[in-house]
Amino acid sequence: MPRYAFHGLGIVLCAALAAAGPVRAQQSDASSLSADELEAIFQKQKTRGLVLVQPGEEAAAEAAAPGGTTVTAAPEAAPEAAPGPAAEETPTYVALAPEEQVNIQIRFDFDSAALRDDQKPKLSTLCEVMQKMDSVSFRVVGHTDASGSASYNEQLSQLRAAEVKRHLVNDCGIAPERLEAVGVGEGFPLENLDPNADENRRVEFQALS
């Protein structure tokens, strides 16, 4: 079973974000936030010094950004592959507190990783922010609920994250090297008391320095 490396990152949201509504709404679906509000959250994440590097480049990254949090990139599953047992690899996920996450509730059809046309508008403001923050890289994280086996959910969440990345590259014009797709399955639910809750089926976005 894949292992997930995660590091605690404390993030304090700007007081101006209070106007965005209750914390729970921000946790489970950030698609209603304005571009300014999303950018403020991403800027807070970015200042924490999270640095994405390729395997073997950790020492060079530390020399370039002393004191930063170095996270090693993981290989992505092929988008055309059918969900199945997860490969033996170590994808990396930096676990933020739920109230500090940027989650968008993207609905996929059952057992499908295809991004539906009616879900694409939810990503329009995010696209605008990513275009504006053109020197920043982002991690796209797929999450599932607890229906099905853990290994199946890991693979399905990876495929869905890769599909969202494909949309951001092809339809939004974000350079593919600025995006990392990671699937973590059911391992990090927002609703711990209800592993099958809708809120747990989400795509999370993290700004990297």
N, C-alpha and C. Protein backbone atom coordinates (compact mmCIF):
# COMPACT_ATOMS: atom_id res chain seq x y z
N MET A 1 0.84 -1.19 0.00
CA MET A 1 0.00 0.00 0.00
C MET A 1 0.88 1.24 0.00
N PRO A 2 0.54 2.26 -0.81
CA PRO A 2 1.36 3.44 -0.85
C PRO A 2 1.44 4.12 0.49
N ARG A 3 2.55 4.73 0.78
CA ARG A 3 2.72 5.51 1.99
C ARG A 3 2.62 6.99 1.63
N TYR A 4 2.08 7.78 2.53
CA TYR A 4 1.94 9.19 2.26
C TYR A 4 2.79 9.98 3.23
N ALA A 5 3.63 10.83 2.70
CA ALA A 5 4.45 11.69 3.53
C ALA A 5 3.72 13.01 3.66
N PHE A 6 3.51 13.44 4.90
CA PHE A 6 2.88 14.73 5.05
C PHE A 6 3.54 15.50 6.17
N HIS A 7 3.54 16.81 6.03
CA HIS A 7 4.19 17.70 6.96
C HIS A 7 3.17 18.71 7.44
N GLY A 8 3.18 19.04 8.73
CA GLY A 8 2.26 20.04 9.24
C GLY A 8 2.67 21.41 8.77
N LEU A 9 1.73 22.13 8.23
CA LEU A 9 1.97 23.50 7.80
C LEU A 9 0.89 24.37 8.43
N GLY A 10 1.28 25.31 9.27
CA GLY A 10 0.32 26.21 9.89
C GLY A 10 0.03 27.36 8.96
N ILE A 11 -1.23 27.59 8.68
CA ILE A 11 -1.61 28.68 7.78
C ILE A 11 -2.69 29.51 8.46
N VAL A 12 -2.50 30.81 8.52
CA VAL A 12 -3.47 31.71 9.12
C VAL A 12 -4.16 32.46 8.00
N LEU A 13 -5.46 32.29 7.88
CA LEU A 13 -6.20 32.96 6.81
C LEU A 13 -6.39 34.43 7.15
N CYS A 14 -6.41 35.25 6.12
CA CYS A 14 -6.61 36.68 6.31
C CYS A 14 -7.99 36.94 6.90
N ALA A 15 -8.08 37.99 7.70
CA ALA A 15 -9.37 38.33 8.30
C ALA A 15 -10.38 38.67 7.23
N ALA A 16 -9.91 39.15 6.10
CA ALA A 16 -10.83 39.52 5.02
C ALA A 16 -11.59 38.33 4.49
N LEU A 17 -11.10 37.12 4.70
CA LEU A 17 -11.79 35.94 4.20
C LEU A 17 -13.03 35.61 5.00
N ALA A 18 -13.23 36.26 6.11
CA ALA A 18 -14.41 35.98 6.92
C ALA A 18 -15.69 36.22 6.14
N ALA A 19 -15.62 37.13 5.19
CA ALA A 19 -16.82 37.44 4.39
C ALA A 19 -17.20 36.32 3.46
N ALA A 20 -16.33 35.34 3.31
CA ALA A 20 -16.62 34.25 2.38
C ALA A 20 -17.65 33.28 2.92
N GLY A 21 -17.98 33.38 4.22
CA GLY A 21 -18.99 32.51 4.78
C GLY A 21 -18.43 31.60 5.83
N PRO A 22 -19.22 30.63 6.33
CA PRO A 22 -18.78 29.74 7.39
C PRO A 22 -17.56 28.93 6.98
N VAL A 23 -16.78 28.54 7.98
CA VAL A 23 -15.57 27.76 7.73
C VAL A 23 -15.91 26.47 7.00
N ARG A 24 -16.99 25.80 7.36
CA ARG A 24 -17.34 24.54 6.72
C ARG A 24 -17.55 24.73 5.23
N ALA A 25 -18.20 25.83 4.82
CA ALA A 25 -18.42 26.07 3.40
C ALA A 25 -17.09 26.26 2.68
N GLN A 26 -16.13 26.93 3.32
CA GLN A 26 -14.82 27.10 2.71
C GLN A 26 -14.12 25.77 2.59
N GLN A 27 -14.26 24.91 3.59
CA GLN A 27 -13.60 23.62 3.58
C GLN A 27 -14.08 22.77 2.41
N SER A 28 -15.40 22.63 2.26
CA SER A 28 -15.95 21.63 1.37
C SER A 28 -16.10 22.09 -0.07
N ASP A 29 -16.25 23.40 -0.32
CA ASP A 29 -16.40 23.86 -1.69
C ASP A 29 -15.99 25.32 -1.79
N ALA A 30 -14.81 25.54 -2.36
CA ALA A 30 -14.28 26.89 -2.51
C ALA A 30 -14.66 27.51 -3.84
N SER A 31 -15.51 26.84 -4.64
CA SER A 31 -15.86 27.35 -5.96
C SER A 31 -16.66 28.64 -5.88
N SER A 32 -17.23 28.95 -4.71
CA SER A 32 -18.01 30.18 -4.57
C SER A 32 -17.14 31.36 -4.12
N LEU A 33 -15.87 31.12 -3.82
CA LEU A 33 -15.00 32.22 -3.40
C LEU A 33 -14.60 33.06 -4.60
N SER A 34 -14.31 34.33 -4.35
CA SER A 34 -13.88 35.23 -5.41
C SER A 34 -12.41 34.97 -5.75
N ALA A 35 -11.96 35.52 -6.87
CA ALA A 35 -10.56 35.37 -7.27
C ALA A 35 -9.64 35.96 -6.21
N ASP A 36 -10.02 37.11 -5.64
CA ASP A 36 -9.18 37.74 -4.62
C ASP A 36 -9.07 36.87 -3.37
N GLU A 37 -10.18 36.23 -2.99
CA GLU A 37 -10.18 35.38 -1.81
C GLU A 37 -9.34 34.13 -2.03
N LEU A 38 -9.47 33.52 -3.21
CA LEU A 38 -8.65 32.35 -3.51
C LEU A 38 -7.17 32.71 -3.55
N GLU A 39 -6.86 33.83 -4.17
CA GLU A 39 -5.45 34.23 -4.25
C GLU A 39 -4.88 34.49 -2.86
N ALA A 40 -5.67 35.07 -1.97
CA ALA A 40 -5.19 35.33 -0.61
C ALA A 40 -4.84 34.03 0.10
N ILE A 41 -5.68 33.00 -0.07
CA ILE A 41 -5.39 31.71 0.56
C ILE A 41 -4.13 31.10 -0.04
N PHE A 42 -4.01 31.13 -1.35
CA PHE A 42 -2.84 30.55 -2.01
C PHE A 42 -1.56 31.30 -1.63
N GLN A 43 -1.65 32.61 -1.49
CA GLN A 43 -0.47 33.37 -1.09
C GLN A 43 -0.03 32.99 0.31
N LYS A 44 -0.99 32.71 1.19
CA LYS A 44 -0.65 32.27 2.54
C LYS A 44 0.02 30.90 2.50
N GLN A 45 -0.50 30.01 1.67
CA GLN A 45 0.13 28.69 1.53
C GLN A 45 1.55 28.85 0.99
N LYS A 46 1.71 29.69 -0.01
CA LYS A 46 2.99 29.86 -0.68
C LYS A 46 4.07 30.37 0.26
N THR A 47 3.72 31.24 1.19
CA THR A 47 4.72 31.81 2.09
C THR A 47 5.28 30.80 3.08
N ARG A 48 4.69 29.62 3.14
CA ARG A 48 5.17 28.60 4.09
C ARG A 48 6.40 27.86 3.57
N GLY A 49 6.83 28.16 2.35
CA GLY A 49 8.07 27.59 1.85
C GLY A 49 7.98 26.16 1.39
N LEU A 50 6.83 25.75 0.86
CA LEU A 50 6.66 24.39 0.34
C LEU A 50 7.30 24.31 -1.04
N VAL A 51 8.29 23.45 -1.20
CA VAL A 51 9.07 23.37 -2.43
C VAL A 51 8.95 21.97 -3.02
N LEU A 52 8.46 21.88 -4.26
CA LEU A 52 8.34 20.61 -4.95
C LEU A 52 9.61 20.34 -5.74
N VAL A 53 10.21 19.16 -5.55
CA VAL A 53 11.44 18.82 -6.26
C VAL A 53 11.31 17.44 -6.87
N GLN A 54 12.15 17.14 -7.83
CA GLN A 54 12.22 15.81 -8.41
C GLN A 54 13.11 14.92 -7.56
N PRO A 55 12.92 13.61 -7.60
CA PRO A 55 13.75 12.71 -6.80
C PRO A 55 15.23 12.95 -7.06
N GLY A 56 16.01 13.04 -5.97
CA GLY A 56 17.45 13.25 -6.08
C GLY A 56 17.87 14.70 -6.07
N GLU A 57 16.88 15.62 -6.08
CA GLU A 57 17.21 17.04 -6.13
C GLU A 57 17.00 17.73 -4.79
N GLU A 58 16.80 16.95 -3.73
CA GLU A 58 16.49 17.55 -2.43
C GLU A 58 17.59 18.47 -1.93
N ALA A 59 18.85 18.05 -2.07
CA ALA A 59 19.96 18.85 -1.56
C ALA A 59 20.06 20.18 -2.29
N ALA A 60 19.88 20.15 -3.60
CA ALA A 60 19.94 21.38 -4.38
C ALA A 60 18.81 22.33 -3.99
N ALA A 61 17.61 21.77 -3.74
CA ALA A 61 16.48 22.60 -3.35
C ALA A 61 16.71 23.25 -2.00
N GLU A 62 17.30 22.51 -1.07
CA GLU A 62 17.59 23.06 0.26
C GLU A 62 18.61 24.18 0.16
N ALA A 63 19.59 24.03 -0.72
CA ALA A 63 20.59 25.08 -0.90
C ALA A 63 19.97 26.33 -1.50
N ALA A 64 19.00 26.14 -2.39
CA ALA A 64 18.36 27.27 -3.05
C ALA A 64 17.34 27.96 -2.15
N ALA A 65 16.69 27.19 -1.28
CA ALA A 65 15.66 27.75 -0.40
C ALA A 65 15.84 27.19 1.00
N PRO A 66 16.85 27.68 1.73
CA PRO A 66 17.12 27.16 3.09
C PRO A 66 15.91 27.31 3.99
N GLY A 67 15.61 26.25 4.72
CA GLY A 67 14.50 26.28 5.66
C GLY A 67 13.15 25.97 5.07
N GLY A 68 13.08 25.77 3.75
CA GLY A 68 11.80 25.46 3.13
C GLY A 68 11.40 24.02 3.40
N THR A 69 10.11 23.72 3.19
CA THR A 69 9.61 22.36 3.34
C THR A 69 9.72 21.67 1.99
N THR A 70 10.63 20.72 1.88
CA THR A 70 10.88 20.05 0.61
C THR A 70 10.01 18.81 0.47
N VAL A 71 9.31 18.71 -0.64
CA VAL A 71 8.42 17.59 -0.92
C VAL A 71 8.82 16.98 -2.25
N THR A 72 9.06 15.67 -2.26
CA THR A 72 9.50 15.00 -3.47
C THR A 72 8.32 14.65 -4.37
N ALA A 73 8.42 15.00 -5.64
CA ALA A 73 7.34 14.72 -6.59
C ALA A 73 7.17 13.22 -6.77
N ALA A 74 5.94 12.82 -7.04
CA ALA A 74 5.63 11.41 -7.26
C ALA A 74 5.19 11.20 -8.69
N PRO A 75 5.42 10.02 -9.26
CA PRO A 75 4.96 9.76 -10.62
C PRO A 75 3.44 9.73 -10.68
N GLU A 76 2.88 10.15 -11.82
CA GLU A 76 1.44 10.19 -11.97
C GLU A 76 0.96 8.96 -12.72
N ALA A 77 -0.26 8.53 -12.39
CA ALA A 77 -0.86 7.42 -13.12
C ALA A 77 -1.25 7.90 -14.51
N ALA A 78 -1.19 6.99 -15.48
CA ALA A 78 -1.58 7.34 -16.84
C ALA A 78 -3.07 7.64 -16.87
N PRO A 79 -3.49 8.79 -17.45
CA PRO A 79 -4.91 9.15 -17.44
C PRO A 79 -5.80 8.11 -18.10
N GLU A 80 -5.28 7.37 -19.09
CA GLU A 80 -6.15 6.43 -19.79
C GLU A 80 -6.27 5.09 -19.08
N ALA A 81 -5.52 4.89 -18.00
CA ALA A 81 -5.54 3.60 -17.32
C ALA A 81 -6.86 3.41 -16.58
N ALA A 82 -7.33 2.18 -16.52
CA ALA A 82 -8.56 1.88 -15.78
C ALA A 82 -8.24 1.77 -14.31
N PRO A 83 -9.17 2.20 -13.43
CA PRO A 83 -8.92 2.07 -12.00
C PRO A 83 -8.63 0.63 -11.63
N GLY A 84 -7.71 0.44 -10.75
CA GLY A 84 -7.31 -0.90 -10.32
C GLY A 84 -6.38 -0.81 -9.15
N PRO A 85 -5.67 -1.85 -8.81
CA PRO A 85 -4.76 -1.81 -7.68
C PRO A 85 -3.71 -0.72 -7.87
N ALA A 86 -3.44 0.03 -6.82
CA ALA A 86 -2.49 1.12 -6.90
C ALA A 86 -1.07 0.60 -7.03
N ALA A 87 -0.25 1.33 -7.77
CA ALA A 87 1.15 0.94 -7.92
C ALA A 87 1.89 1.17 -6.61
N GLU A 88 2.99 0.44 -6.43
CA GLU A 88 3.79 0.60 -5.23
C GLU A 88 4.70 1.81 -5.41
N GLU A 89 4.23 2.95 -4.99
CA GLU A 89 4.98 4.18 -5.08
C GLU A 89 4.67 5.01 -3.85
N THR A 90 5.33 6.13 -3.70
CA THR A 90 5.13 6.95 -2.52
C THR A 90 4.70 8.35 -2.94
N PRO A 91 3.44 8.53 -3.31
CA PRO A 91 2.99 9.87 -3.63
C PRO A 91 3.06 10.76 -2.40
N THR A 92 3.18 12.03 -2.62
CA THR A 92 3.38 12.96 -1.52
C THR A 92 2.17 13.86 -1.37
N TYR A 93 1.69 13.99 -0.15
CA TYR A 93 0.57 14.85 0.14
C TYR A 93 0.89 15.63 1.41
N VAL A 94 0.81 16.93 1.33
CA VAL A 94 1.01 17.78 2.49
C VAL A 94 -0.35 18.05 3.10
N ALA A 95 -0.60 17.51 4.29
CA ALA A 95 -1.91 17.61 4.91
C ALA A 95 -2.07 18.95 5.62
N LEU A 96 -2.97 19.78 5.11
CA LEU A 96 -3.32 21.04 5.75
C LEU A 96 -4.55 20.83 6.63
N ALA A 97 -4.71 21.67 7.63
CA ALA A 97 -5.92 21.62 8.44
C ALA A 97 -7.13 21.86 7.54
N PRO A 98 -8.26 21.21 7.81
CA PRO A 98 -9.42 21.34 6.92
C PRO A 98 -9.81 22.78 6.61
N GLU A 99 -9.78 23.65 7.62
CA GLU A 99 -10.19 25.04 7.39
C GLU A 99 -9.18 25.82 6.56
N GLU A 100 -8.02 25.24 6.31
CA GLU A 100 -6.97 25.91 5.53
C GLU A 100 -6.90 25.38 4.10
N GLN A 101 -7.76 24.44 3.75
CA GLN A 101 -7.71 23.82 2.44
C GLN A 101 -8.53 24.60 1.41
N VAL A 102 -8.15 24.46 0.16
CA VAL A 102 -8.94 24.96 -0.96
C VAL A 102 -9.50 23.73 -1.67
N ASN A 103 -10.74 23.38 -1.36
CA ASN A 103 -11.40 22.22 -1.93
C ASN A 103 -12.51 22.66 -2.86
N ILE A 104 -12.68 21.95 -3.97
CA ILE A 104 -13.80 22.19 -4.87
C ILE A 104 -14.53 20.87 -5.07
N GLN A 105 -15.84 20.90 -4.85
CA GLN A 105 -16.67 19.71 -4.98
C GLN A 105 -16.98 19.47 -6.45
N ILE A 106 -16.13 18.71 -7.11
CA ILE A 106 -16.33 18.37 -8.52
C ILE A 106 -17.03 17.01 -8.58
N ARG A 107 -18.18 16.98 -9.21
CA ARG A 107 -18.97 15.75 -9.30
C ARG A 107 -18.53 14.92 -10.51
N PHE A 108 -18.16 13.70 -10.25
CA PHE A 108 -17.85 12.75 -11.32
C PHE A 108 -18.96 11.69 -11.36
N ASP A 109 -19.22 11.15 -12.52
CA ASP A 109 -20.16 10.04 -12.60
C ASP A 109 -19.58 8.84 -11.85
N PHE A 110 -20.45 7.95 -11.42
CA PHE A 110 -20.02 6.78 -10.67
C PHE A 110 -18.97 6.00 -11.45
N ASP A 111 -17.88 5.68 -10.77
CA ASP A 111 -16.82 4.84 -11.35
C ASP A 111 -16.18 5.49 -12.57
N SER A 112 -16.20 6.83 -12.65
CA SER A 112 -15.67 7.53 -13.81
C SER A 112 -14.69 8.61 -13.37
N ALA A 113 -13.68 8.85 -14.21
CA ALA A 113 -12.74 9.93 -13.96
C ALA A 113 -12.91 11.06 -14.97
N ALA A 114 -13.90 10.96 -15.84
CA ALA A 114 -14.12 11.99 -16.86
C ALA A 114 -14.72 13.24 -16.22
N LEU A 115 -14.16 14.41 -16.55
CA LEU A 115 -14.67 15.67 -16.03
C LEU A 115 -15.88 16.09 -16.85
N ARG A 116 -17.04 16.15 -16.20
CA ARG A 116 -18.27 16.49 -16.90
C ARG A 116 -18.30 17.97 -17.27
N ASP A 117 -18.96 18.29 -18.39
CA ASP A 117 -19.04 19.67 -18.86
C ASP A 117 -19.71 20.57 -17.83
N ASP A 118 -20.72 20.04 -17.11
CA ASP A 118 -21.43 20.88 -16.15
C ASP A 118 -20.61 21.18 -14.90
N GLN A 119 -19.45 20.54 -14.75
CA GLN A 119 -18.59 20.78 -13.61
C GLN A 119 -17.45 21.75 -13.92
N LYS A 120 -17.18 21.96 -15.19
CA LYS A 120 -16.05 22.82 -15.57
C LYS A 120 -16.19 24.27 -15.11
N PRO A 121 -17.41 24.86 -15.08
CA PRO A 121 -17.52 26.23 -14.59
C PRO A 121 -17.03 26.42 -13.15
N LYS A 122 -17.05 25.35 -12.35
CA LYS A 122 -16.56 25.46 -10.97
C LYS A 122 -15.08 25.78 -10.92
N LEU A 123 -14.36 25.51 -12.01
CA LEU A 123 -12.92 25.72 -12.05
C LEU A 123 -12.54 27.03 -12.72
N SER A 124 -13.52 27.83 -13.16
CA SER A 124 -13.21 29.03 -13.93
C SER A 124 -12.48 30.08 -13.11
N THR A 125 -12.93 30.32 -11.87
CA THR A 125 -12.26 31.31 -11.03
C THR A 125 -10.87 30.83 -10.64
N LEU A 126 -10.77 29.53 -10.33
CA LEU A 126 -9.46 28.95 -10.01
C LEU A 126 -8.51 29.13 -11.20
N CYS A 127 -8.99 28.92 -12.40
CA CYS A 127 -8.19 29.10 -13.60
C CYS A 127 -7.68 30.54 -13.69
N GLU A 128 -8.56 31.49 -13.43
CA GLU A 128 -8.17 32.90 -13.46
C GLU A 128 -7.05 33.19 -12.47
N VAL A 129 -7.17 32.62 -11.26
CA VAL A 129 -6.16 32.86 -10.23
C VAL A 129 -4.83 32.22 -10.62
N MET A 130 -4.88 30.99 -11.15
CA MET A 130 -3.64 30.32 -11.56
C MET A 130 -2.95 31.08 -12.68
N GLN A 131 -3.73 31.64 -13.61
CA GLN A 131 -3.14 32.43 -14.68
C GLN A 131 -2.45 33.68 -14.13
N LYS A 132 -3.08 34.30 -13.14
CA LYS A 132 -2.50 35.51 -12.54
C LYS A 132 -1.24 35.18 -11.76
N MET A 133 -1.27 34.07 -11.02
CA MET A 133 -0.11 33.66 -10.22
C MET A 133 0.81 32.81 -11.08
N ASP A 134 1.33 33.41 -12.16
CA ASP A 134 1.98 32.63 -13.20
C ASP A 134 3.37 32.12 -12.83
N SER A 135 3.90 32.52 -11.68
CA SER A 135 5.20 31.99 -11.24
C SER A 135 5.06 30.91 -10.18
N VAL A 136 3.83 30.52 -9.88
CA VAL A 136 3.55 29.57 -8.80
C VAL A 136 3.16 28.22 -9.39
N SER A 137 3.65 27.14 -8.77
CA SER A 137 3.22 25.79 -9.12
C SER A 137 2.13 25.34 -8.15
N PHE A 138 1.31 24.40 -8.59
CA PHE A 138 0.19 23.95 -7.77
C PHE A 138 0.14 22.42 -7.72
N ARG A 139 -0.33 21.90 -6.61
CA ARG A 139 -0.62 20.48 -6.48
C ARG A 139 -2.13 20.30 -6.58
N VAL A 140 -2.56 19.35 -7.41
CA VAL A 140 -3.97 18.99 -7.56
C VAL A 140 -4.14 17.64 -6.86
N VAL A 141 -4.98 17.60 -5.83
CA VAL A 141 -5.10 16.41 -4.98
C VAL A 141 -6.51 15.84 -5.08
N GLY A 142 -6.61 14.59 -5.52
CA GLY A 142 -7.90 13.91 -5.59
C GLY A 142 -8.21 13.18 -4.30
N HIS A 143 -9.43 13.35 -3.79
CA HIS A 143 -9.90 12.65 -2.60
C HIS A 143 -11.19 11.89 -2.93
N THR A 144 -11.42 10.77 -2.27
CA THR A 144 -12.67 10.02 -2.44
C THR A 144 -13.31 9.80 -1.07
N ASP A 145 -14.54 9.26 -1.11
CA ASP A 145 -15.14 8.79 0.13
C ASP A 145 -14.65 7.36 0.36
N ALA A 146 -15.23 6.67 1.34
CA ALA A 146 -14.74 5.34 1.72
C ALA A 146 -15.47 4.20 1.02
N SER A 147 -16.32 4.50 0.03
CA SER A 147 -16.97 3.43 -0.71
C SER A 147 -15.94 2.70 -1.57
N GLY A 148 -15.97 1.39 -1.56
CA GLY A 148 -15.00 0.62 -2.34
C GLY A 148 -13.73 0.37 -1.54
N SER A 149 -12.82 -0.39 -2.13
CA SER A 149 -11.58 -0.74 -1.44
C SER A 149 -10.63 0.46 -1.41
N ALA A 150 -9.72 0.46 -0.45
CA ALA A 150 -8.76 1.55 -0.32
C ALA A 150 -7.87 1.66 -1.56
N SER A 151 -7.41 0.52 -2.08
CA SER A 151 -6.52 0.56 -3.24
C SER A 151 -7.25 1.08 -4.48
N TYR A 152 -8.51 0.68 -4.65
CA TYR A 152 -9.31 1.18 -5.78
C TYR A 152 -9.50 2.69 -5.67
N ASN A 153 -9.81 3.17 -4.47
CA ASN A 153 -10.03 4.59 -4.27
C ASN A 153 -8.77 5.41 -4.51
N GLU A 154 -7.63 4.85 -4.14
CA GLU A 154 -6.37 5.56 -4.40
C GLU A 154 -6.16 5.77 -5.89
N GLN A 155 -6.40 4.71 -6.66
CA GLN A 155 -6.20 4.81 -8.10
C GLN A 155 -7.23 5.71 -8.75
N LEU A 156 -8.49 5.61 -8.34
CA LEU A 156 -9.54 6.45 -8.91
C LEU A 156 -9.28 7.92 -8.59
N SER A 157 -8.85 8.22 -7.37
CA SER A 157 -8.58 9.61 -7.02
C SER A 157 -7.40 10.16 -7.82
N GLN A 158 -6.41 9.33 -8.10
CA GLN A 158 -5.28 9.75 -8.94
C GLN A 158 -5.74 10.08 -10.36
N LEU A 159 -6.59 9.23 -10.92
CA LEU A 159 -7.11 9.46 -12.26
C LEU A 159 -7.93 10.75 -12.32
N ARG A 160 -8.72 11.01 -11.28
CA ARG A 160 -9.54 12.22 -11.27
C ARG A 160 -8.68 13.46 -11.12
N ALA A 161 -7.65 13.40 -10.29
CA ALA A 161 -6.73 14.54 -10.16
C ALA A 161 -6.04 14.80 -11.49
N ALA A 162 -5.62 13.73 -12.17
CA ALA A 162 -4.96 13.87 -13.47
C ALA A 162 -5.91 14.46 -14.51
N GLU A 163 -7.20 14.12 -14.44
CA GLU A 163 -8.19 14.67 -15.36
C GLU A 163 -8.39 16.16 -15.13
N VAL A 164 -8.42 16.58 -13.86
CA VAL A 164 -8.55 18.01 -13.56
C VAL A 164 -7.29 18.75 -14.04
N LYS A 165 -6.13 18.15 -13.84
CA LYS A 165 -4.90 18.75 -14.35
C LYS A 165 -4.99 18.90 -15.87
N ARG A 166 -5.46 17.86 -16.57
CA ARG A 166 -5.58 17.93 -18.02
C ARG A 166 -6.47 19.10 -18.45
N HIS A 167 -7.58 19.29 -17.75
CA HIS A 167 -8.47 20.41 -18.05
C HIS A 167 -7.76 21.74 -17.85
N LEU A 168 -7.03 21.88 -16.75
CA LEU A 168 -6.34 23.14 -16.47
C LEU A 168 -5.26 23.42 -17.52
N VAL A 169 -4.65 22.37 -18.04
CA VAL A 169 -3.63 22.54 -19.08
C VAL A 169 -4.27 22.86 -20.43
N ASN A 170 -5.24 22.05 -20.84
CA ASN A 170 -5.81 22.16 -22.18
C ASN A 170 -6.82 23.29 -22.33
N ASP A 171 -7.65 23.52 -21.32
CA ASP A 171 -8.72 24.51 -21.42
C ASP A 171 -8.38 25.83 -20.74
N CYS A 172 -7.46 25.79 -19.78
CA CYS A 172 -7.13 26.99 -19.02
C CYS A 172 -5.78 27.56 -19.43
N GLY A 173 -4.96 26.75 -20.09
CA GLY A 173 -3.68 27.24 -20.56
C GLY A 173 -2.58 27.27 -19.51
N ILE A 174 -2.73 26.49 -18.45
CA ILE A 174 -1.69 26.41 -17.43
C ILE A 174 -0.60 25.45 -17.92
N ALA A 175 0.65 25.85 -17.81
CA ALA A 175 1.75 24.99 -18.25
C ALA A 175 1.76 23.71 -17.42
N PRO A 176 1.89 22.54 -18.06
CA PRO A 176 1.81 21.28 -17.32
C PRO A 176 2.86 21.14 -16.24
N GLU A 177 4.04 21.77 -16.44
CA GLU A 177 5.09 21.65 -15.42
C GLU A 177 4.77 22.44 -14.16
N ARG A 178 3.72 23.26 -14.20
CA ARG A 178 3.29 23.99 -12.99
C ARG A 178 2.31 23.19 -12.15
N LEU A 179 1.90 22.03 -12.62
CA LEU A 179 0.87 21.26 -11.94
C LEU A 179 1.35 19.85 -11.62
N GLU A 180 1.08 19.41 -10.39
CA GLU A 180 1.35 18.03 -9.98
C GLU A 180 0.03 17.40 -9.55
N ALA A 181 -0.31 16.25 -10.10
CA ALA A 181 -1.54 15.55 -9.74
C ALA A 181 -1.23 14.41 -8.78
N VAL A 182 -1.94 14.36 -7.67
CA VAL A 182 -1.74 13.34 -6.64
C VAL A 182 -3.11 12.79 -6.23
N GLY A 183 -3.23 11.49 -6.08
CA GLY A 183 -4.45 10.89 -5.56
C GLY A 183 -4.19 10.25 -4.22
N VAL A 184 -5.00 10.59 -3.23
CA VAL A 184 -4.80 10.04 -1.88
C VAL A 184 -6.00 9.21 -1.41
N GLY A 185 -6.94 8.96 -2.31
CA GLY A 185 -8.05 8.08 -1.98
C GLY A 185 -8.89 8.57 -0.83
N GLU A 186 -9.18 7.64 0.07
CA GLU A 186 -10.07 7.94 1.20
C GLU A 186 -9.31 8.31 2.47
N GLY A 187 -8.00 8.50 2.36
CA GLY A 187 -7.15 8.62 3.54
C GLY A 187 -7.29 9.90 4.33
N PHE A 188 -7.86 10.98 3.74
CA PHE A 188 -7.90 12.26 4.43
C PHE A 188 -9.30 12.87 4.33
N PRO A 189 -10.30 12.27 5.00
CA PRO A 189 -11.67 12.77 4.89
C PRO A 189 -11.85 14.10 5.62
N LEU A 190 -12.75 14.94 5.09
CA LEU A 190 -13.16 16.13 5.82
C LEU A 190 -14.15 15.77 6.91
N GLU A 191 -15.05 14.82 6.60
CA GLU A 191 -16.06 14.38 7.55
C GLU A 191 -15.63 13.05 8.16
N ASN A 192 -14.88 13.11 9.25
CA ASN A 192 -14.38 11.88 9.87
C ASN A 192 -15.49 10.99 10.41
N LEU A 193 -16.60 11.59 10.83
CA LEU A 193 -17.70 10.82 11.41
C LEU A 193 -18.54 10.12 10.35
N ASP A 194 -18.40 10.53 9.09
CA ASP A 194 -19.16 9.92 8.00
C ASP A 194 -18.22 9.74 6.81
N PRO A 195 -17.48 8.64 6.75
CA PRO A 195 -16.51 8.44 5.67
C PRO A 195 -17.11 8.46 4.27
N ASN A 196 -18.43 8.23 4.15
CA ASN A 196 -19.07 8.23 2.84
C ASN A 196 -19.74 9.56 2.49
N ALA A 197 -19.49 10.60 3.29
CA ALA A 197 -20.13 11.89 3.07
C ALA A 197 -19.69 12.51 1.74
N ASP A 198 -20.59 13.29 1.14
CA ASP A 198 -20.28 13.97 -0.11
C ASP A 198 -19.05 14.86 0.01
N GLU A 199 -18.87 15.51 1.17
CA GLU A 199 -17.75 16.43 1.35
C GLU A 199 -16.40 15.77 1.16
N ASN A 200 -16.35 14.45 1.36
CA ASN A 200 -15.08 13.74 1.23
C ASN A 200 -14.69 13.50 -0.22
N ARG A 201 -15.64 13.61 -1.14
CA ARG A 201 -15.35 13.45 -2.57
C ARG A 201 -15.04 14.83 -3.15
N ARG A 202 -13.77 15.14 -3.28
CA ARG A 202 -13.39 16.50 -3.61
C ARG A 202 -12.03 16.53 -4.31
N VAL A 203 -11.73 17.69 -4.89
CA VAL A 203 -10.41 17.94 -5.45
C VAL A 203 -9.84 19.13 -4.71
N GLU A 204 -8.65 18.96 -4.16
CA GLU A 204 -8.00 20.00 -3.35
C GLU A 204 -6.86 20.62 -4.16
N PHE A 205 -6.61 21.90 -3.90
CA PHE A 205 -5.56 22.62 -4.60
C PHE A 205 -4.62 23.28 -3.59
N GLN A 206 -3.33 23.08 -3.79
CA GLN A 206 -2.32 23.63 -2.89
C GLN A 206 -1.30 24.42 -3.72
N ALA A 207 -0.97 25.62 -3.25
CA ALA A 207 0.04 26.46 -3.90
C ALA A 207 1.42 26.10 -3.37
N LEU A 208 2.35 25.88 -4.28
CA LEU A 208 3.72 25.54 -3.91
C LEU A 208 4.60 26.77 -4.16
N SER A 209 5.66 26.90 -3.40
CA SER A 209 6.54 28.05 -3.59
C SER A 209 7.48 27.80 -4.76
